[in-house]
Structures are given as C-alpha cells and as structure tokens.
Amino acid sequence: MKKGLSIWSPISEVERVRREFDKLFDEFFSPANGSEYTFIPAVDLYETDTDVVIKAEIPGVKKDDIEISVKDNFVHLKAEKKEEVEEKKENLHRVERFYGKVERVIPLPVDVKSDQAKAEYKDGVLEIRIPKEKVSKETKIKIL
C-alpha cells in the first residue's frame, strides 16, 4: 500500500477539533440512557470549633422538596426542582433554567453526631450544621 503526502489544511484541522468538542459536550451534557438530568449543587464545607457546616446552593427548590440524610459520615442531599406550569406557551422563545433532580453525596472530614444535625433553607441556600463527635483540645506534653 502506497501512501502519498497530503497537504495540511488548517481550516479542516480546526473543523475536526470543533467536531470533537461538539461530541464531548454532547456526551457530557446529555442525560444517560434518555433519563432526566441530575444537577450537582455547589457546596461550601467548613468546620467551626463545634460543628461541621455545609452550605449548598439549590435555588428555586421548595423546602418540602429537599431530603437530607447523614450516614457513616456522609451527607446525602436530594431535592427536585419542579417545572413551573404555564398556560400560554405559544410565544415561548427560550428555556434555560434547570428543572429536575438535584443530588450530592458529601463526605465529612470528622466524626459527627448525626442525630443532632440541623438544617435551614433561606434564599436558595441550604445550610446544614452537624455537631462534631469529639472536640479535641490541644494538650502540651512535658518530656521527662
């Protein structure tokens, strides 16, 4: 089999890269097996002297549609943002807001008292506070 030289075309190379990016984005953003999307909310996780605190952004979700559980030092956060039903849609030009399931499993950095966890939801931010199991204090040890 004889191979010849081919002329490199920067335009066709750019087009090939664009097709690869389109394929990557299609695979990344399309739901698996025709199921609906699951949104992974952004969280902040930090410790105070007594608590582990998680703040999760889940705007547009009703308080009654949020479920939180703590097991084996993991917080499992589930919620659902339901689509608002409007009567008139013939002049609809764009739908960009997310509707569907929200889910995140968050590992905790220390042991916690899961039975004493408390949560508050305000202005689209869920705050979960879980007391630490042990509050360790620094102890100086004298060398003999």
N, C-alpha and C. Protein backbone atom coordinates (compact mmCIF):
# COMPACT_ATOMS: atom_id res chain seq x y z
N MET A 1 0.85 -1.17 0.00
CA MET A 1 0.00 0.00 0.00
C MET A 1 0.90 1.23 0.00
N LYS A 2 0.66 2.09 -0.90
CA LYS A 2 1.49 3.27 -1.08
C LYS A 2 0.78 4.48 -0.49
N LYS A 3 1.50 5.21 0.35
CA LYS A 3 0.94 6.43 0.95
C LYS A 3 1.63 7.62 0.32
N GLY A 4 0.86 8.61 0.03
CA GLY A 4 1.43 9.82 -0.54
C GLY A 4 1.39 10.95 0.47
N LEU A 5 2.03 12.00 0.16
CA LEU A 5 2.00 13.17 1.00
C LEU A 5 0.66 13.87 0.83
N SER A 6 0.16 14.38 1.94
CA SER A 6 -1.07 15.15 1.84
C SER A 6 -0.79 16.57 2.31
N ILE A 7 -1.54 17.48 1.81
CA ILE A 7 -1.36 18.89 2.14
C ILE A 7 -2.16 19.18 3.41
N TRP A 8 -1.47 19.78 4.38
CA TRP A 8 -2.11 20.12 5.64
C TRP A 8 -2.99 21.34 5.45
N SER A 9 -4.23 21.24 5.95
CA SER A 9 -5.16 22.35 5.82
C SER A 9 -5.57 22.80 7.21
N PRO A 10 -5.17 23.99 7.63
CA PRO A 10 -5.53 24.46 8.97
C PRO A 10 -7.05 24.57 9.15
N ILE A 11 -7.77 24.90 8.11
CA ILE A 11 -9.24 25.03 8.22
C ILE A 11 -9.87 23.68 8.53
N SER A 12 -9.43 22.63 7.84
CA SER A 12 -10.01 21.31 8.11
C SER A 12 -9.60 20.80 9.49
N GLU A 13 -8.41 21.18 9.96
CA GLU A 13 -7.98 20.79 11.30
C GLU A 13 -8.83 21.47 12.36
N VAL A 14 -9.12 22.74 12.19
CA VAL A 14 -9.99 23.47 13.12
C VAL A 14 -11.39 22.85 13.12
N GLU A 15 -11.88 22.48 11.96
CA GLU A 15 -13.20 21.84 11.85
C GLU A 15 -13.22 20.50 12.57
N ARG A 16 -12.14 19.72 12.45
CA ARG A 16 -12.05 18.44 13.14
C ARG A 16 -12.07 18.64 14.66
N VAL A 17 -11.33 19.61 15.16
CA VAL A 17 -11.30 19.90 16.59
C VAL A 17 -12.68 20.37 17.07
N ARG A 18 -13.36 21.18 16.27
CA ARG A 18 -14.71 21.64 16.64
C ARG A 18 -15.67 20.45 16.76
N ARG A 19 -15.59 19.50 15.81
CA ARG A 19 -16.44 18.31 15.86
C ARG A 19 -16.16 17.49 17.12
N GLU A 20 -14.89 17.37 17.48
CA GLU A 20 -14.52 16.63 18.69
C GLU A 20 -15.09 17.31 19.95
N PHE A 21 -15.00 18.65 20.00
CA PHE A 21 -15.56 19.38 21.14
C PHE A 21 -17.07 19.24 21.19
N ASP A 22 -17.73 19.32 20.04
CA ASP A 22 -19.19 19.14 20.00
C ASP A 22 -19.57 17.76 20.53
N LYS A 23 -18.83 16.75 20.12
CA LYS A 23 -19.10 15.39 20.59
C LYS A 23 -18.89 15.29 22.10
N LEU A 24 -17.81 15.88 22.60
CA LEU A 24 -17.52 15.87 24.03
C LEU A 24 -18.63 16.54 24.83
N PHE A 25 -19.07 17.73 24.41
CA PHE A 25 -20.14 18.43 25.11
C PHE A 25 -21.46 17.69 25.02
N ASP A 26 -21.76 17.09 23.88
CA ASP A 26 -22.99 16.31 23.75
C ASP A 26 -23.01 15.14 24.71
N GLU A 27 -21.88 14.44 24.83
CA GLU A 27 -21.81 13.30 25.75
C GLU A 27 -21.86 13.76 27.20
N PHE A 28 -21.22 14.88 27.51
CA PHE A 28 -21.16 15.35 28.90
C PHE A 28 -22.50 15.89 29.39
N PHE A 29 -23.19 16.65 28.55
CA PHE A 29 -24.40 17.33 28.99
C PHE A 29 -25.70 16.58 28.67
N SER A 30 -25.64 15.52 27.91
CA SER A 30 -26.89 14.80 27.63
C SER A 30 -27.09 13.74 28.69
N PRO A 31 -28.35 13.52 29.11
CA PRO A 31 -28.61 12.53 30.14
C PRO A 31 -28.32 11.12 29.63
N ALA A 32 -27.89 10.26 30.54
CA ALA A 32 -27.58 8.89 30.18
C ALA A 32 -28.85 8.09 29.93
N ASN A 33 -28.85 7.32 28.89
CA ASN A 33 -29.96 6.41 28.56
C ASN A 33 -31.31 7.10 28.52
N GLY A 34 -31.36 8.33 28.08
CA GLY A 34 -32.64 9.02 27.94
C GLY A 34 -33.28 9.44 29.25
N SER A 35 -32.57 9.27 30.38
CA SER A 35 -33.14 9.68 31.66
C SER A 35 -33.04 11.18 31.80
N GLU A 36 -33.59 11.70 32.88
CA GLU A 36 -33.55 13.14 33.06
C GLU A 36 -32.23 13.57 33.69
N TYR A 37 -31.95 14.86 33.61
CA TYR A 37 -30.72 15.41 34.14
C TYR A 37 -30.71 15.37 35.67
N THR A 38 -29.53 15.21 36.24
CA THR A 38 -29.33 15.36 37.68
C THR A 38 -28.31 16.46 37.86
N PHE A 39 -28.69 17.48 38.62
CA PHE A 39 -27.84 18.63 38.86
C PHE A 39 -27.05 18.40 40.14
N ILE A 40 -25.77 18.71 40.13
CA ILE A 40 -24.92 18.57 41.31
C ILE A 40 -24.68 19.97 41.86
N PRO A 41 -25.26 20.29 43.03
CA PRO A 41 -25.14 21.66 43.53
C PRO A 41 -23.74 21.97 44.06
N ALA A 42 -23.37 23.24 43.96
CA ALA A 42 -22.11 23.71 44.52
C ALA A 42 -22.26 23.80 46.04
N VAL A 43 -21.22 23.38 46.77
CA VAL A 43 -21.27 23.41 48.23
C VAL A 43 -20.01 24.04 48.80
N ASP A 44 -20.17 24.61 49.99
CA ASP A 44 -19.05 25.01 50.83
C ASP A 44 -19.10 24.09 52.04
N LEU A 45 -17.96 23.57 52.45
CA LEU A 45 -17.87 22.69 53.61
C LEU A 45 -16.76 23.22 54.50
N TYR A 46 -17.10 23.51 55.76
CA TYR A 46 -16.08 24.00 56.68
C TYR A 46 -16.41 23.57 58.10
N GLU A 47 -15.42 23.72 58.98
CA GLU A 47 -15.59 23.36 60.38
C GLU A 47 -15.49 24.60 61.25
N THR A 48 -16.29 24.59 62.31
CA THR A 48 -16.10 25.55 63.39
C THR A 48 -15.52 24.74 64.56
N ASP A 49 -15.39 25.36 65.71
CA ASP A 49 -14.88 24.62 66.87
C ASP A 49 -15.79 23.46 67.25
N THR A 50 -17.09 23.61 67.02
CA THR A 50 -18.05 22.60 67.48
C THR A 50 -18.82 21.88 66.38
N ASP A 51 -18.89 22.47 65.17
CA ASP A 51 -19.75 21.92 64.12
C ASP A 51 -19.02 21.74 62.80
N VAL A 52 -19.61 20.87 61.97
CA VAL A 52 -19.29 20.81 60.56
C VAL A 52 -20.44 21.51 59.86
N VAL A 53 -20.11 22.43 58.95
CA VAL A 53 -21.14 23.24 58.28
C VAL A 53 -21.05 23.01 56.78
N ILE A 54 -22.22 22.76 56.19
CA ILE A 54 -22.31 22.62 54.73
C ILE A 54 -23.30 23.66 54.25
N LYS A 55 -22.90 24.41 53.23
CA LYS A 55 -23.82 25.35 52.58
C LYS A 55 -23.92 24.93 51.12
N ALA A 56 -25.15 24.65 50.67
CA ALA A 56 -25.38 24.19 49.30
C ALA A 56 -26.31 25.15 48.59
N GLU A 57 -25.97 25.50 47.36
CA GLU A 57 -26.82 26.37 46.54
C GLU A 57 -27.81 25.52 45.77
N ILE A 58 -29.08 25.66 46.10
CA ILE A 58 -30.14 24.97 45.36
C ILE A 58 -31.32 25.93 45.17
N PRO A 59 -31.14 26.96 44.38
CA PRO A 59 -32.18 27.96 44.20
C PRO A 59 -33.39 27.41 43.45
N GLY A 60 -34.55 27.92 43.81
CA GLY A 60 -35.78 27.55 43.13
C GLY A 60 -36.42 26.27 43.60
N VAL A 61 -35.82 25.61 44.58
CA VAL A 61 -36.37 24.38 45.12
C VAL A 61 -37.18 24.71 46.37
N LYS A 62 -38.36 24.11 46.48
CA LYS A 62 -39.18 24.33 47.66
C LYS A 62 -38.63 23.52 48.82
N LYS A 63 -38.77 24.06 50.03
CA LYS A 63 -38.25 23.42 51.23
C LYS A 63 -38.77 22.00 51.39
N ASP A 64 -40.03 21.77 51.03
CA ASP A 64 -40.64 20.45 51.18
C ASP A 64 -40.09 19.43 50.18
N ASP A 65 -39.38 19.89 49.14
CA ASP A 65 -38.83 19.00 48.12
C ASP A 65 -37.36 18.67 48.36
N ILE A 66 -36.86 18.97 49.57
CA ILE A 66 -35.47 18.69 49.92
C ILE A 66 -35.43 17.55 50.94
N GLU A 67 -34.52 16.61 50.71
CA GLU A 67 -34.34 15.48 51.63
C GLU A 67 -32.86 15.40 51.98
N ILE A 68 -32.57 15.33 53.30
CA ILE A 68 -31.19 15.27 53.77
C ILE A 68 -31.06 14.07 54.70
N SER A 69 -30.00 13.28 54.52
CA SER A 69 -29.73 12.20 55.45
C SER A 69 -28.23 12.17 55.74
N VAL A 70 -27.89 11.72 56.95
CA VAL A 70 -26.49 11.60 57.36
C VAL A 70 -26.27 10.16 57.79
N LYS A 71 -25.29 9.51 57.15
CA LYS A 71 -24.98 8.12 57.49
C LYS A 71 -23.51 7.86 57.23
N ASP A 72 -22.85 7.24 58.19
CA ASP A 72 -21.44 6.86 58.06
C ASP A 72 -20.56 8.03 57.63
N ASN A 73 -20.78 9.19 58.24
CA ASN A 73 -20.01 10.41 57.95
C ASN A 73 -20.11 10.87 56.49
N PHE A 74 -21.27 10.64 55.90
CA PHE A 74 -21.59 11.18 54.58
C PHE A 74 -22.94 11.86 54.68
N VAL A 75 -23.06 13.03 54.06
CA VAL A 75 -24.35 13.71 53.97
C VAL A 75 -24.87 13.46 52.56
N HIS A 76 -26.09 12.95 52.48
CA HIS A 76 -26.73 12.70 51.19
C HIS A 76 -27.84 13.74 51.02
N LEU A 77 -27.68 14.58 50.03
CA LEU A 77 -28.61 15.67 49.76
C LEU A 77 -29.36 15.36 48.48
N LYS A 78 -30.70 15.33 48.56
CA LYS A 78 -31.54 15.09 47.39
C LYS A 78 -32.63 16.15 47.35
N ALA A 79 -32.96 16.59 46.17
CA ALA A 79 -34.02 17.58 46.01
C ALA A 79 -34.55 17.48 44.58
N GLU A 80 -35.63 18.18 44.34
CA GLU A 80 -36.17 18.23 42.98
C GLU A 80 -36.74 19.60 42.72
N LYS A 81 -36.30 20.19 41.63
CA LYS A 81 -36.83 21.48 41.19
C LYS A 81 -37.86 21.20 40.11
N LYS A 82 -39.10 21.46 40.43
CA LYS A 82 -40.19 21.13 39.52
C LYS A 82 -40.44 22.28 38.56
N GLU A 83 -40.75 21.92 37.33
CA GLU A 83 -41.00 22.92 36.29
C GLU A 83 -42.31 23.63 36.58
N GLU A 84 -42.25 24.94 36.42
CA GLU A 84 -43.46 25.74 36.60
C GLU A 84 -44.35 25.57 35.38
N VAL A 85 -45.61 25.26 35.61
CA VAL A 85 -46.54 25.04 34.50
C VAL A 85 -47.23 26.35 34.18
N GLU A 86 -47.08 26.77 32.94
CA GLU A 86 -47.74 27.99 32.49
C GLU A 86 -48.72 27.63 31.40
N GLU A 87 -49.82 28.33 31.38
CA GLU A 87 -50.88 28.06 30.40
C GLU A 87 -50.46 28.43 28.98
N LYS A 88 -49.87 29.60 28.82
CA LYS A 88 -49.59 30.14 27.50
C LYS A 88 -48.13 29.89 27.13
N LYS A 89 -47.88 29.08 26.09
CA LYS A 89 -46.51 28.80 25.68
C LYS A 89 -46.27 29.06 24.21
N GLU A 90 -47.24 29.58 23.48
CA GLU A 90 -47.04 29.76 22.05
C GLU A 90 -46.02 30.84 21.72
N ASN A 91 -45.73 31.75 22.65
CA ASN A 91 -44.73 32.80 22.41
C ASN A 91 -43.44 32.54 23.17
N LEU A 92 -43.22 31.32 23.57
CA LEU A 92 -42.02 30.95 24.31
C LEU A 92 -40.81 31.03 23.39
N HIS A 93 -39.79 31.77 23.80
CA HIS A 93 -38.61 31.96 22.97
C HIS A 93 -37.39 31.23 23.50
N ARG A 94 -37.31 31.01 24.81
CA ARG A 94 -36.11 30.42 25.36
C ARG A 94 -36.42 29.77 26.71
N VAL A 95 -35.85 28.59 26.96
CA VAL A 95 -35.94 27.92 28.25
C VAL A 95 -34.53 27.53 28.63
N GLU A 96 -33.96 28.22 29.62
CA GLU A 96 -32.58 27.95 30.03
C GLU A 96 -32.47 27.53 31.49
N ARG A 97 -33.52 27.70 32.25
CA ARG A 97 -33.45 27.34 33.66
C ARG A 97 -33.48 25.83 33.83
N PHE A 98 -32.83 25.35 34.89
CA PHE A 98 -32.74 23.92 35.15
C PHE A 98 -33.97 23.44 35.92
N TYR A 99 -34.51 22.31 35.50
CA TYR A 99 -35.57 21.62 36.23
C TYR A 99 -35.17 20.16 36.31
N GLY A 100 -35.41 19.56 37.43
CA GLY A 100 -35.09 18.14 37.57
C GLY A 100 -34.54 17.83 38.94
N LYS A 101 -33.81 16.72 39.01
CA LYS A 101 -33.29 16.24 40.29
C LYS A 101 -31.97 16.90 40.64
N VAL A 102 -31.79 17.10 41.93
CA VAL A 102 -30.57 17.64 42.49
C VAL A 102 -30.07 16.59 43.47
N GLU A 103 -28.80 16.22 43.35
CA GLU A 103 -28.29 15.20 44.26
C GLU A 103 -26.80 15.37 44.47
N ARG A 104 -26.38 15.15 45.72
CA ARG A 104 -24.95 15.24 46.05
C ARG A 104 -24.69 14.44 47.31
N VAL A 105 -23.61 13.67 47.31
CA VAL A 105 -23.15 12.97 48.50
C VAL A 105 -21.86 13.65 48.93
N ILE A 106 -21.84 14.11 50.18
CA ILE A 106 -20.72 14.91 50.66
C ILE A 106 -20.03 14.17 51.81
N PRO A 107 -18.77 13.78 51.64
CA PRO A 107 -18.04 13.14 52.74
C PRO A 107 -17.66 14.18 53.80
N LEU A 108 -17.79 13.80 55.05
CA LEU A 108 -17.48 14.71 56.14
C LEU A 108 -16.05 14.47 56.63
N PRO A 109 -15.34 15.54 57.03
CA PRO A 109 -13.93 15.41 57.40
C PRO A 109 -13.70 14.82 58.79
N VAL A 110 -14.71 14.82 59.65
CA VAL A 110 -14.58 14.32 61.02
C VAL A 110 -15.84 13.54 61.40
N ASP A 111 -15.76 12.81 62.50
CA ASP A 111 -16.94 12.12 63.02
C ASP A 111 -17.93 13.14 63.56
N VAL A 112 -19.21 12.88 63.33
CA VAL A 112 -20.25 13.82 63.73
C VAL A 112 -21.36 13.11 64.51
N LYS A 113 -22.16 13.92 65.18
CA LYS A 113 -23.36 13.43 65.88
C LYS A 113 -24.54 13.62 64.93
N SER A 114 -24.79 12.63 64.10
CA SER A 114 -25.78 12.77 63.03
C SER A 114 -27.20 12.99 63.57
N ASP A 115 -27.48 12.48 64.76
CA ASP A 115 -28.83 12.65 65.33
C ASP A 115 -29.09 14.07 65.80
N GLN A 116 -28.07 14.91 65.83
CA GLN A 116 -28.24 16.30 66.27
C GLN A 116 -28.08 17.31 65.12
N ALA A 117 -28.12 16.82 63.90
CA ALA A 117 -27.96 17.69 62.74
C ALA A 117 -29.17 18.61 62.59
N LYS A 118 -28.92 19.82 62.12
CA LYS A 118 -29.98 20.80 61.89
C LYS A 118 -29.77 21.44 60.52
N ALA A 119 -30.87 21.80 59.87
CA ALA A 119 -30.78 22.42 58.55
C ALA A 119 -31.71 23.61 58.46
N GLU A 120 -31.28 24.59 57.68
CA GLU A 120 -32.09 25.79 57.43
C GLU A 120 -31.97 26.13 55.95
N TYR A 121 -33.09 26.52 55.35
CA TYR A 121 -33.10 26.85 53.93
C TYR A 121 -33.63 28.26 53.76
N LYS A 122 -32.79 29.13 53.19
CA LYS A 122 -33.19 30.52 53.04
C LYS A 122 -32.54 31.10 51.78
N ASP A 123 -33.34 31.77 50.95
CA ASP A 123 -32.86 32.46 49.76
C ASP A 123 -32.06 31.54 48.82
N GLY A 124 -32.49 30.29 48.69
CA GLY A 124 -31.85 29.36 47.77
C GLY A 124 -30.59 28.71 48.28
N VAL A 125 -30.24 28.95 49.55
CA VAL A 125 -29.05 28.35 50.15
C VAL A 125 -29.47 27.47 51.32
N LEU A 126 -29.08 26.21 51.26
CA LEU A 126 -29.35 25.25 52.33
C LEU A 126 -28.12 25.21 53.23
N GLU A 127 -28.33 25.43 54.53
CA GLU A 127 -27.23 25.35 55.49
C GLU A 127 -27.49 24.19 56.43
N ILE A 128 -26.54 23.27 56.49
CA ILE A 128 -26.63 22.09 57.37
C ILE A 128 -25.53 22.23 58.41
N ARG A 129 -25.91 22.11 59.68
CA ARG A 129 -24.94 22.15 60.79
C ARG A 129 -25.03 20.83 61.55
N ILE A 130 -23.86 20.19 61.68
CA ILE A 130 -23.81 18.90 62.38
C ILE A 130 -22.73 19.00 63.45
N PRO A 131 -23.10 18.78 64.72
CA PRO A 131 -22.09 18.84 65.79
C PRO A 131 -21.02 17.76 65.61
N LYS A 132 -19.80 18.12 65.93
CA LYS A 132 -18.70 17.15 65.87
C LYS A 132 -18.85 16.16 67.02
N GLU A 133 -18.40 14.95 66.77
CA GLU A 133 -18.48 13.90 67.78
C GLU A 133 -17.56 14.19 68.96
N LYS A 134 -16.35 14.56 68.67
CA LYS A 134 -15.39 14.84 69.73
C LYS A 134 -14.74 16.19 69.45
N VAL A 135 -14.66 17.00 70.45
CA VAL A 135 -13.95 18.25 70.33
C VAL A 135 -12.61 18.04 71.02
N SER A 136 -11.58 17.94 70.23
CA SER A 136 -10.27 17.68 70.82
C SER A 136 -9.58 19.00 71.14
N LYS A 137 -8.97 19.01 72.29
CA LYS A 137 -8.21 20.19 72.70
C LYS A 137 -6.73 19.84 72.67
N GLU A 138 -5.94 20.82 72.34
CA GLU A 138 -4.51 20.59 72.29
C GLU A 138 -3.98 20.47 73.71
N THR A 139 -3.14 19.48 73.91
CA THR A 139 -2.55 19.25 75.21
C THR A 139 -1.04 19.26 75.05
N LYS A 140 -0.38 20.05 75.88
CA LYS A 140 1.09 20.08 75.87
C LYS A 140 1.59 18.93 76.74
N ILE A 141 2.59 18.26 76.24
CA ILE A 141 3.15 17.12 76.95
C ILE A 141 4.59 17.45 77.32
N LYS A 142 4.89 17.29 78.60
CA LYS A 142 6.25 17.53 79.07
C LYS A 142 7.09 16.29 78.81
N ILE A 143 8.29 16.52 78.37
CA ILE A 143 9.22 15.41 78.16
C ILE A 143 10.03 15.23 79.43
N LEU A 144 10.04 14.03 79.95
CA LEU A 144 10.77 13.74 81.18
C LEU A 144 12.18 13.32 80.93
